[in-house]
Amino acid sequence: MRTFSSFLGRRVETESGRSLGGCHELRALIGEGNPTVSALVVGPRGLREHFGIGSARANRPDAVPWDAVVRIEGDRIVVRDGTELE
């Protein structure tokens, strides 16, 4: 089992090694039951969001959809090739 905080600081890369930035925050859907992670917030904009500068509602690409995650290994999170920030 992983904690939300265990994702923070990990590098986010595509399968072919293209860097998308560091993971600074997670977005989750909260409803009945446990929260469900929906995206990884990455890069410089994600870092500003983590510190409360800016807003998740602003139209800017700073998140990787959770369903793009292929595997988590060591200090990196690997996502499918072709994944772009949303």
C-alpha atoms as a PDB file:
ATOM      1  CA  MET A   1       0.000   0.000   0.000  1.00  0.00           C
ATOM      2  CA  ARG A   2       1.253   3.504  -0.850  1.00  0.00           C
ATOM      3  CA  THR A   3       0.486   6.758   0.889  1.00  0.00           C
ATOM      4  CA  PHE A   4      -0.322   9.937  -1.022  1.00  0.00           C
ATOM      5  CA  SER A   5       2.817  11.583   0.344  1.00  0.00           C
ATOM      6  CA  SER A   6       5.015   8.763  -1.015  1.00  0.00           C
ATOM      7  CA  PHE A   7       4.396  10.097  -4.548  1.00  0.00           C
ATOM      8  CA  LEU A   8       5.662  13.599  -3.805  1.00  0.00           C
ATOM      9  CA  GLY A   9       9.072  14.419  -5.236  1.00  0.00           C
ATOM     10  CA  ARG A  10       9.201  11.464  -7.616  1.00  0.00           C
ATOM     11  CA  ARG A  11      10.180  12.146 -11.226  1.00  0.00           C
ATOM     12  CA  VAL A  12       7.419  11.583 -13.784  1.00  0.00           C
ATOM     13  CA  GLU A  13       8.684  10.185 -17.095  1.00  0.00           C
ATOM     14  CA  THR A  14       7.238   8.534 -20.168  1.00  0.00           C
ATOM     15  CA  GLU A  15       8.179   4.946 -21.017  1.00  0.00           C
ATOM     16  CA  SER A  16      10.759   6.256 -23.497  1.00  0.00           C
ATOM     17  CA  GLY A  17      12.343   8.511 -20.842  1.00  0.00           C
ATOM     18  CA  ARG A  18      10.886  11.962 -21.641  1.00  0.00           C
ATOM     19  CA  SER A  19      10.653  13.949 -18.405  1.00  0.00           C
ATOM     20  CA  LEU A  20       7.336  15.576 -17.508  1.00  0.00           C
ATOM     21  CA  GLY A  21       8.648  17.016 -14.222  1.00  0.00           C
ATOM     22  CA  GLY A  22       8.472  16.137 -10.575  1.00  0.00           C
ATOM     23  CA  CYS A  23       5.280  15.082  -8.821  1.00  0.00           C
ATOM     24  CA  HIS A  24       4.258  17.883  -6.457  1.00  0.00           C
ATOM     25  CA  GLU A  25       0.651  17.043  -5.679  1.00  0.00           C
ATOM     26  CA  LEU A  26      -2.111  14.538  -6.330  1.00  0.00           C
ATOM     27  CA  ARG A  27      -5.661  15.302  -7.380  1.00  0.00           C
ATOM     28  CA  ALA A  28      -8.367  13.033  -6.072  1.00  0.00           C
ATOM     29  CA  LEU A  29     -12.079  12.559  -6.457  1.00  0.00           C
ATOM     30  CA  ILE A  30     -13.852  12.500  -3.136  1.00  0.00           C
ATOM     31  CA  GLY A  31     -17.196  10.804  -2.850  1.00  0.00           C
ATOM     32  CA  GLU A  32     -18.542   7.922  -0.896  1.00  0.00           C
ATOM     33  CA  GLY A  33     -15.825   5.638   0.374  1.00  0.00           C
ATOM     34  CA  ASN A  34     -12.123   6.254  -0.142  1.00  0.00           C
ATOM     35  CA  PRO A  35     -10.738   9.072  -2.314  1.00  0.00           C
ATOM     36  CA  THR A  36      -9.715   8.016  -5.830  1.00  0.00           C
ATOM     37  CA  VAL A  37      -6.585   9.550  -7.364  1.00  0.00           C
ATOM     38  CA  SER A  38      -7.394  11.202 -10.698  1.00  0.00           C
ATOM     39  CA  ALA A  39      -4.127  12.944 -11.633  1.00  0.00           C
ATOM     40  CA  LEU A  40      -0.523  13.700 -10.727  1.00  0.00           C
ATOM     41  CA  VAL A  41       0.276  17.426 -10.578  1.00  0.00           C
ATOM     42  CA  VAL A  42       3.745  17.953 -12.042  1.00  0.00           C
ATOM     43  CA  GLY A  43       6.298  20.524 -13.115  1.00  0.00           C
ATOM     44  CA  PRO A  44       6.799  24.163 -12.114  1.00  0.00           C
ATOM     45  CA  ARG A  45       3.098  25.012 -12.290  1.00  0.00           C
ATOM     46  CA  GLY A  46       2.318  22.015 -10.127  1.00  0.00           C
ATOM     47  CA  LEU A  47       4.864  23.189  -7.571  1.00  0.00           C
ATOM     48  CA  ARG A  48       3.244  26.634  -7.442  1.00  0.00           C
ATOM     49  CA  GLU A  49      -0.152  24.971  -6.989  1.00  0.00           C
ATOM     50  CA  HIS A  50       1.276  22.873  -4.146  1.00  0.00           C
ATOM     51  CA  PHE A  51       2.198  26.079  -2.320  1.00  0.00           C
ATOM     52  CA  GLY A  52      -1.198  27.653  -3.006  1.00  0.00           C
ATOM     53  CA  ILE A  53      -0.027  29.992  -5.759  1.00  0.00           C
ATOM     54  CA  GLY A  54      -2.512  29.692  -8.590  1.00  0.00           C
ATOM     55  CA  SER A  55      -5.483  27.426  -8.842  1.00  0.00           C
ATOM     56  CA  ALA A  56      -6.265  23.932 -10.078  1.00  0.00           C
ATOM     57  CA  ARG A  57      -9.169  25.491 -11.978  1.00  0.00           C
ATOM     58  CA  ALA A  58      -6.925  27.692 -14.112  1.00  0.00           C
ATOM     59  CA  ASN A  59      -6.658  26.502 -17.700  1.00  0.00           C
ATOM     60  CA  ARG A  60      -3.083  25.298 -17.740  1.00  0.00           C
ATOM     61  CA  PRO A  61      -1.364  21.998 -18.392  1.00  0.00           C
ATOM     62  CA  ASP A  62       0.098  20.712 -15.146  1.00  0.00           C
ATOM     63  CA  ALA A  63      -1.427  17.295 -14.540  1.00  0.00           C
ATOM     64  CA  VAL A  64      -0.941  13.756 -15.805  1.00  0.00           C
ATOM     65  CA  PRO A  65      -4.088  11.609 -15.766  1.00  0.00           C
ATOM     66  CA  TRP A  66      -3.799   8.749 -13.292  1.00  0.00           C
ATOM     67  CA  ASP A  67      -4.884   6.226 -15.917  1.00  0.00           C
ATOM     68  CA  ALA A  68      -1.670   7.030 -17.856  1.00  0.00           C
ATOM     69  CA  VAL A  69       0.502   5.596 -15.038  1.00  0.00           C
ATOM     70  CA  VAL A  70       2.173   2.372 -16.167  1.00  0.00           C
ATOM     71  CA  ARG A  71       4.340   1.626 -13.146  1.00  0.00           C
ATOM     72  CA  ILE A  72       6.055   3.108 -10.119  1.00  0.00           C
ATOM     73  CA  GLU A  73       9.671   2.165  -9.644  1.00  0.00           C
ATOM     74  CA  GLY A  74      12.269   3.615  -7.312  1.00  0.00           C
ATOM     75  CA  ASP A  75      12.124   7.392  -7.392  1.00  0.00           C
ATOM     76  CA  ARG A  76      10.141   7.666 -10.614  1.00  0.00           C
ATOM     77  CA  ILE A  77       6.634   7.273 -11.925  1.00  0.00           C
ATOM     78  CA  VAL A  78       6.456   5.946 -15.477  1.00  0.00           C
ATOM     79  CA  VAL A  79       3.558   6.939 -17.729  1.00  0.00           C
ATOM     80  CA  ARG A  80       2.548   5.816 -21.222  1.00  0.00           C
ATOM     81  CA  ASP A  81       4.394   7.259 -24.200  1.00  0.00           C
ATOM     82  CA  GLY A  82       2.322  10.000 -25.793  1.00  0.00           C
ATOM     83  CA  THR A  83       1.034  11.261 -22.448  1.00  0.00           C
ATOM     84  CA  GLU A  84       0.687  15.031 -22.410  1.00  0.00           C
ATOM     85  CA  LEU A  85      -0.079  17.315 -19.515  1.00  0.00           C
ATOM     86  CA  GLU A  86      -3.734  18.294 -19.123  1.00  0.00           C
END
